[in-house]
Amino acid sequence: MTAPHLLVVDDDESLLRLLELRLTARHYRVTTATSGDMALKLFRQAPADLVLTDLRMDGLNGIQLLEQLHALDSTLPVVIMTAHGSIPEAVDATQKGVVAFLTKPLDTEALESVLAQHCQPHADTAAPPHAPVSTRNPHMRSLLETAVRVAQSDVHVLITGESGTGKEVFARLIHSRSHRHAGEFVAVNCGALPEGLMEAELFGYVKGAFTGATRARDGLFRQASGGTLFLDEIGEMPLPLQVKLLRALQDKQVRPVGADTPVCADARIISATHVDLEQ
């Protein structure tokens, strides 16, 4: 099965990065755009299975973008999100074919419910993500054999190599050959997440921990408990957060932002980087 492709549109770049991180961790393929015009261009290049767009933006607003998208694909599910929702706007959006109208800050459960209803995985004729990796290169064969051996243990793993050389392929291979294969494989790019949000995304937070925290959230570490957490570009993680990561690895516990006590989170960590960490 191929993961659904989402096109997310918002002129708030920090919100875009946050949504991209959360949706990617839930196994969606995500493309982002900071304007309606950019979204149209990207959609023509690579049509999406669902579009999640802000309502009020400079240039094309959410309703205008909806109309242009439906001129290209009349069956495309479009979800409108806004911090300035009103009953007339919601009615107008629904009449024009919007499948859902969500208010900011987005409720994660409500968003996931909408995506589950309107954006299902579809059949894929290509090889599945955990298919065996084939190679004729002797050095690569040796690396694959090492990866399979490492997978049988429960040690944490660091994968190094230049960008585009397949580090995540190796990470998924290790996960699929490990005793944790039934658990989730959760991937996060440490370089794509704003420093101020990284701790909350990894370790979770309690309700009221900061402005906008209207409900508690587990975080990616606990989401991957029993499975594998893939930290791509680990070299971009701030040093203070690396100390907290070390504590989490040692104790198999994390302390959500704003919480008084730690909670259990037993995730195997596979990290990757294209830089020389020792240097």
Protein backbone atom coordinates (compact mmCIF):
# COMPACT_ATOMS: atom_id res chain seq x y z
CA MET A 1 0.00 0.00 0.00
CA THR A 2 1.17 3.55 -0.78
CA ALA A 3 0.83 6.22 1.90
CA PRO A 4 -1.64 9.01 1.00
CA HIS A 5 -0.13 12.21 -0.38
CA LEU A 6 -1.20 15.39 1.44
CA LEU A 7 -0.74 18.97 0.22
CA VAL A 8 -0.69 21.35 3.21
CA VAL A 9 -1.06 25.09 2.56
CA ASP A 10 -0.52 27.89 5.10
CA ASP A 11 1.36 31.19 5.11
CA ASP A 12 2.66 30.43 8.63
CA GLU A 13 5.91 28.56 7.92
CA SER A 14 6.39 27.37 11.51
CA LEU A 15 2.92 25.81 11.50
CA LEU A 16 3.69 24.20 8.15
CA ARG A 17 6.85 22.58 9.52
CA LEU A 18 4.96 21.34 12.59
CA LEU A 19 2.14 19.84 10.51
CA GLU A 20 4.65 18.25 8.12
CA LEU A 21 6.44 16.63 11.04
CA ARG A 22 3.27 15.29 12.67
CA LEU A 23 1.73 14.00 9.46
CA THR A 24 4.96 12.42 8.24
CA ALA A 25 5.28 10.64 11.59
CA ARG A 26 1.83 9.19 10.92
CA HIS A 27 3.06 7.78 7.61
CA TYR A 28 1.58 10.36 5.23
CA ARG A 29 3.58 11.76 2.32
CA VAL A 30 3.49 15.54 2.78
CA THR A 31 4.09 18.46 0.41
CA THR A 32 3.87 22.00 1.81
CA ALA A 33 3.11 25.36 0.21
CA THR A 34 3.15 28.88 1.70
CA SER A 35 0.57 30.33 -0.69
CA GLY A 36 -2.39 29.33 -2.84
CA ASP A 37 -0.49 30.07 -6.06
CA MET A 38 2.41 27.85 -4.95
CA ALA A 39 -0.05 25.11 -3.99
CA LEU A 40 -1.64 25.14 -7.45
CA LYS A 41 1.77 24.86 -9.11
CA LEU A 42 2.78 21.95 -6.89
CA PHE A 43 -0.56 20.20 -7.39
CA ARG A 44 -0.18 20.37 -11.18
CA GLN A 45 3.28 18.81 -10.84
CA ALA A 46 2.23 16.09 -8.39
CA PRO A 47 -1.51 15.74 -7.61
CA ALA A 48 -2.33 15.10 -3.96
CA ASP A 49 -4.91 12.77 -2.40
CA LEU A 50 -6.14 15.52 -0.05
CA VAL A 51 -5.46 19.23 0.44
CA LEU A 52 -5.38 20.87 3.88
CA THR A 53 -5.40 24.65 3.47
CA ASP A 54 -5.62 27.79 5.55
CA LEU A 55 -8.67 29.95 4.85
CA ARG A 56 -7.24 33.46 4.97
CA MET A 57 -4.05 34.00 2.97
CA ASP A 58 -2.65 36.74 0.76
CA GLY A 59 -3.35 36.13 -2.93
CA LEU A 60 -5.60 33.10 -3.33
CA ASN A 61 -7.53 32.42 -0.13
CA GLY A 62 -8.66 28.96 0.88
CA ILE A 63 -12.04 29.16 -0.90
CA GLN A 64 -10.49 30.47 -4.12
CA LEU A 65 -7.84 27.76 -3.98
CA LEU A 66 -10.58 25.17 -3.50
CA GLU A 67 -12.37 26.38 -6.64
CA GLN A 68 -9.18 26.28 -8.70
CA LEU A 69 -8.28 22.81 -7.42
CA HIS A 70 -11.76 21.46 -8.16
CA ALA A 71 -11.43 22.80 -11.70
CA LEU A 72 -8.47 20.40 -12.01
CA ASP A 73 -9.99 17.52 -10.00
CA SER A 74 -13.63 17.80 -8.97
CA THR A 75 -13.38 14.81 -6.58
CA LEU A 76 -10.39 16.13 -4.61
CA PRO A 77 -11.07 16.26 -0.81
CA VAL A 78 -10.23 19.72 0.57
CA VAL A 79 -10.07 20.55 4.30
CA ILE A 80 -10.15 24.19 5.39
CA MET A 81 -8.44 25.34 8.59
CA THR A 82 -8.58 28.79 10.14
CA ALA A 83 -8.10 30.69 13.36
CA HIS A 84 -10.85 33.07 12.26
CA GLY A 85 -13.70 30.65 11.66
CA SER A 86 -17.26 31.86 11.43
CA ILE A 87 -20.59 30.21 10.67
CA PRO A 88 -21.05 32.03 7.31
CA GLU A 89 -17.55 31.06 6.17
CA ALA A 90 -18.11 27.46 7.21
CA VAL A 91 -21.43 27.31 5.37
CA ASP A 92 -19.91 28.87 2.24
CA ALA A 93 -16.97 26.48 2.33
CA THR A 94 -19.23 23.45 2.75
CA GLN A 95 -21.46 24.54 -0.12
CA LYS A 96 -18.42 24.78 -2.37
CA GLY A 97 -17.38 21.21 -1.59
CA VAL A 98 -15.11 21.40 1.47
CA VAL A 99 -15.17 18.04 3.28
CA ALA A 100 -14.28 19.51 6.69
CA PHE A 101 -13.75 22.86 8.40
CA LEU A 102 -11.21 22.84 11.29
CA THR A 103 -10.36 25.68 13.64
CA LYS A 104 -6.90 26.53 14.95
CA PRO A 105 -5.20 25.44 17.10
CA LEU A 106 -5.94 22.15 15.36
CA ASP A 107 -7.31 19.33 17.48
CA THR A 108 -5.13 16.33 16.60
CA GLU A 109 -7.91 13.79 17.06
CA ALA A 110 -10.30 15.78 14.88
CA LEU A 111 -7.68 16.11 12.12
CA GLU A 112 -6.82 12.41 12.25
CA SER A 113 -10.52 11.54 12.08
CA VAL A 114 -10.98 13.67 8.96
CA LEU A 115 -7.91 12.18 7.28
CA ALA A 116 -8.97 8.63 8.12
CA GLN A 117 -12.39 9.30 6.60
CA HIS A 118 -11.31 11.06 3.41
CA CYS A 119 -7.75 9.88 2.71
CA GLN A 120 -7.11 6.14 2.65
CA PRO A 121 -3.91 4.34 1.56
CA HIS A 122 -4.12 2.96 -1.97
CA ALA A 123 -2.73 -0.05 -3.73
CA ASP A 124 0.88 0.16 -4.82
CA THR A 125 2.45 -1.79 -7.63
CA ALA A 126 5.98 -0.97 -6.48
CA ALA A 127 7.95 -2.95 -3.93
CA PRO A 128 6.78 -2.54 -0.31
CA PRO A 129 8.94 -0.38 2.00
CA HIS A 130 10.29 -3.41 3.88
CA ALA A 131 11.12 -5.46 0.77
CA PRO A 132 14.61 -7.02 0.79
CA VAL A 133 17.33 -4.70 -0.51
CA SER A 134 19.27 -6.17 -3.44
CA THR A 135 22.77 -5.20 -4.56
CA ARG A 136 25.70 -6.57 -6.55
CA ASN A 137 28.23 -4.36 -4.79
CA PRO A 138 30.38 -6.42 -2.36
CA HIS A 139 30.81 -3.52 0.09
CA MET A 140 27.08 -2.83 0.11
CA ARG A 141 26.40 -6.55 0.64
CA SER A 142 28.65 -6.45 3.68
CA LEU A 143 26.81 -3.41 5.05
CA LEU A 144 23.43 -5.12 4.57
CA GLU A 145 24.64 -8.24 6.36
CA THR A 146 25.85 -6.07 9.24
CA ALA A 147 22.49 -4.28 9.38
CA VAL A 148 20.60 -7.58 9.56
CA ARG A 149 22.87 -8.84 12.36
CA VAL A 150 22.47 -5.58 14.30
CA ALA A 151 18.71 -5.80 13.88
CA GLN A 152 18.59 -8.96 15.99
CA SER A 153 19.88 -7.09 19.05
CA ASP A 154 18.21 -4.15 20.75
CA VAL A 155 21.15 -1.73 20.65
CA HIS A 156 20.70 1.83 19.45
CA VAL A 157 22.21 2.51 16.03
CA LEU A 158 23.92 5.46 14.31
CA ILE A 159 23.98 5.45 10.50
CA THR A 160 26.35 7.84 8.73
CA GLY A 161 26.63 8.73 5.06
CA GLU A 162 26.14 11.50 2.55
CA SER A 163 22.67 12.84 1.79
CA GLY A 164 20.75 10.62 -0.62
CA THR A 165 22.71 7.43 0.04
CA GLY A 166 19.81 5.54 1.63
CA LYS A 167 20.26 5.94 5.39
CA GLU A 168 16.52 5.69 6.03
CA VAL A 169 16.36 2.56 3.85
CA PHE A 170 18.86 0.94 6.21
CA ALA A 171 16.93 2.19 9.25
CA ARG A 172 13.69 0.66 7.96
CA LEU A 173 15.50 -2.57 7.13
CA ILE A 174 16.84 -2.81 10.70
CA HIS A 175 13.37 -2.14 12.11
CA SER A 176 11.68 -4.70 9.85
CA ARG A 177 14.21 -7.42 10.79
CA SER A 178 14.06 -6.72 14.54
CA HIS A 179 11.75 -8.15 17.22
CA ARG A 180 10.16 -4.68 17.26
CA HIS A 181 8.85 -4.99 13.68
CA ALA A 182 5.22 -5.10 14.85
CA GLY A 183 5.68 -1.71 16.54
CA GLU A 184 5.66 1.64 14.79
CA PHE A 185 8.56 3.07 12.79
CA VAL A 186 8.41 6.79 13.55
CA ALA A 187 10.71 9.09 11.55
CA VAL A 188 11.57 12.69 12.39
CA ASN A 189 14.01 15.10 10.74
CA CYS A 190 15.72 16.98 13.55
CA GLY A 191 16.84 19.70 11.14
CA ALA A 192 13.29 20.49 9.99
CA LEU A 193 11.84 21.12 13.45
CA PRO A 194 12.17 24.54 15.16
CA GLU A 195 14.33 24.28 18.28
CA GLY A 196 11.56 25.63 20.51
CA LEU A 197 9.16 22.85 19.44
CA MET A 198 11.56 19.92 19.31
CA GLU A 199 11.32 18.90 22.98
CA ALA A 200 7.52 19.02 22.98
CA GLU A 201 7.32 16.99 19.76
CA LEU A 202 9.74 14.33 20.97
CA PHE A 203 8.68 13.99 24.61
CA GLY A 204 5.09 15.28 24.50
CA TYR A 205 3.44 17.77 26.82
CA VAL A 206 0.63 18.10 29.33
CA LYS A 207 -2.44 20.28 28.90
CA GLY A 208 -1.65 23.91 29.68
CA ALA A 209 2.13 23.43 29.46
CA PHE A 210 2.36 26.42 27.10
CA THR A 211 0.13 28.69 25.03
CA GLY A 212 -1.90 26.60 22.61
CA ALA A 213 -1.49 23.34 24.56
CA THR A 214 -5.24 22.76 24.87
CA ARG A 215 -4.84 19.02 25.37
CA ALA A 216 -2.09 16.61 26.39
CA ARG A 217 0.00 14.93 23.70
CA ASP A 218 2.17 11.82 23.98
CA GLY A 219 5.01 12.90 21.68
CA LEU A 220 6.94 10.88 19.12
CA PHE A 221 9.08 9.03 21.68
CA ARG A 222 6.02 7.45 23.31
CA GLN A 223 4.35 6.93 19.93
CA ALA A 224 7.35 4.79 18.97
CA SER A 225 7.36 2.87 22.28
CA GLY A 226 7.67 -0.82 21.45
CA GLY A 227 8.96 0.13 18.00
CA THR A 228 11.66 2.33 16.47
CA LEU A 229 12.23 6.09 16.54
CA PHE A 230 14.35 7.26 13.59
CA LEU A 231 16.12 10.56 14.33
CA ASP A 232 17.36 11.82 10.98
CA GLU A 233 20.01 14.55 10.96
CA ILE A 234 20.74 13.96 14.65
CA GLY A 235 23.63 16.41 14.38
CA GLU A 236 21.09 19.24 14.18
CA MET A 237 19.65 18.44 17.62
CA PRO A 238 20.56 21.18 20.17
CA LEU A 239 23.05 20.07 22.84
CA PRO A 240 20.69 20.67 25.82
CA LEU A 241 18.12 18.39 24.21
CA GLN A 242 20.80 15.75 23.54
CA VAL A 243 21.32 15.55 27.32
CA LYS A 244 17.61 14.85 27.81
CA LEU A 245 17.72 12.28 25.01
CA LEU A 246 20.58 10.49 26.78
CA ARG A 247 18.53 10.36 29.98
CA ALA A 248 15.57 8.94 28.05
CA LEU A 249 17.78 6.22 26.54
CA GLN A 250 19.29 5.30 29.91
CA ASP A 251 16.04 5.23 31.91
CA LYS A 252 13.55 4.31 29.14
CA GLN A 253 11.45 7.19 30.45
CA VAL A 254 10.60 10.67 29.20
CA ARG A 255 9.31 13.72 31.01
CA PRO A 256 6.63 15.52 28.96
CA VAL A 257 6.89 19.31 28.92
CA GLY A 258 5.07 20.66 31.97
CA ALA A 259 4.84 17.27 33.71
CA ASP A 260 6.02 16.64 37.28
CA THR A 261 6.87 12.96 36.80
CA PRO A 262 8.40 10.91 33.95
CA VAL A 263 6.49 8.27 31.98
CA CYS A 264 7.73 5.02 30.42
CA ALA A 265 8.77 5.06 26.75
CA ASP A 266 10.71 2.08 25.46
CA ALA A 267 11.70 3.03 21.90
CA ARG A 268 14.73 1.83 19.99
CA ILE A 269 16.64 4.78 18.57
CA ILE A 270 18.17 4.73 15.11
CA SER A 271 19.93 7.99 14.28
CA ALA A 272 21.39 9.22 11.02
CA THR A 273 23.62 12.08 9.95
CA HIS A 274 25.54 13.27 6.89
CA VAL A 275 28.07 15.27 8.96
CA ASP A 276 31.22 14.17 10.81
CA LEU A 277 29.97 14.19 14.40
CA GLU A 278 33.42 13.71 15.91
CA GLN A 279 34.71 16.73 14.03
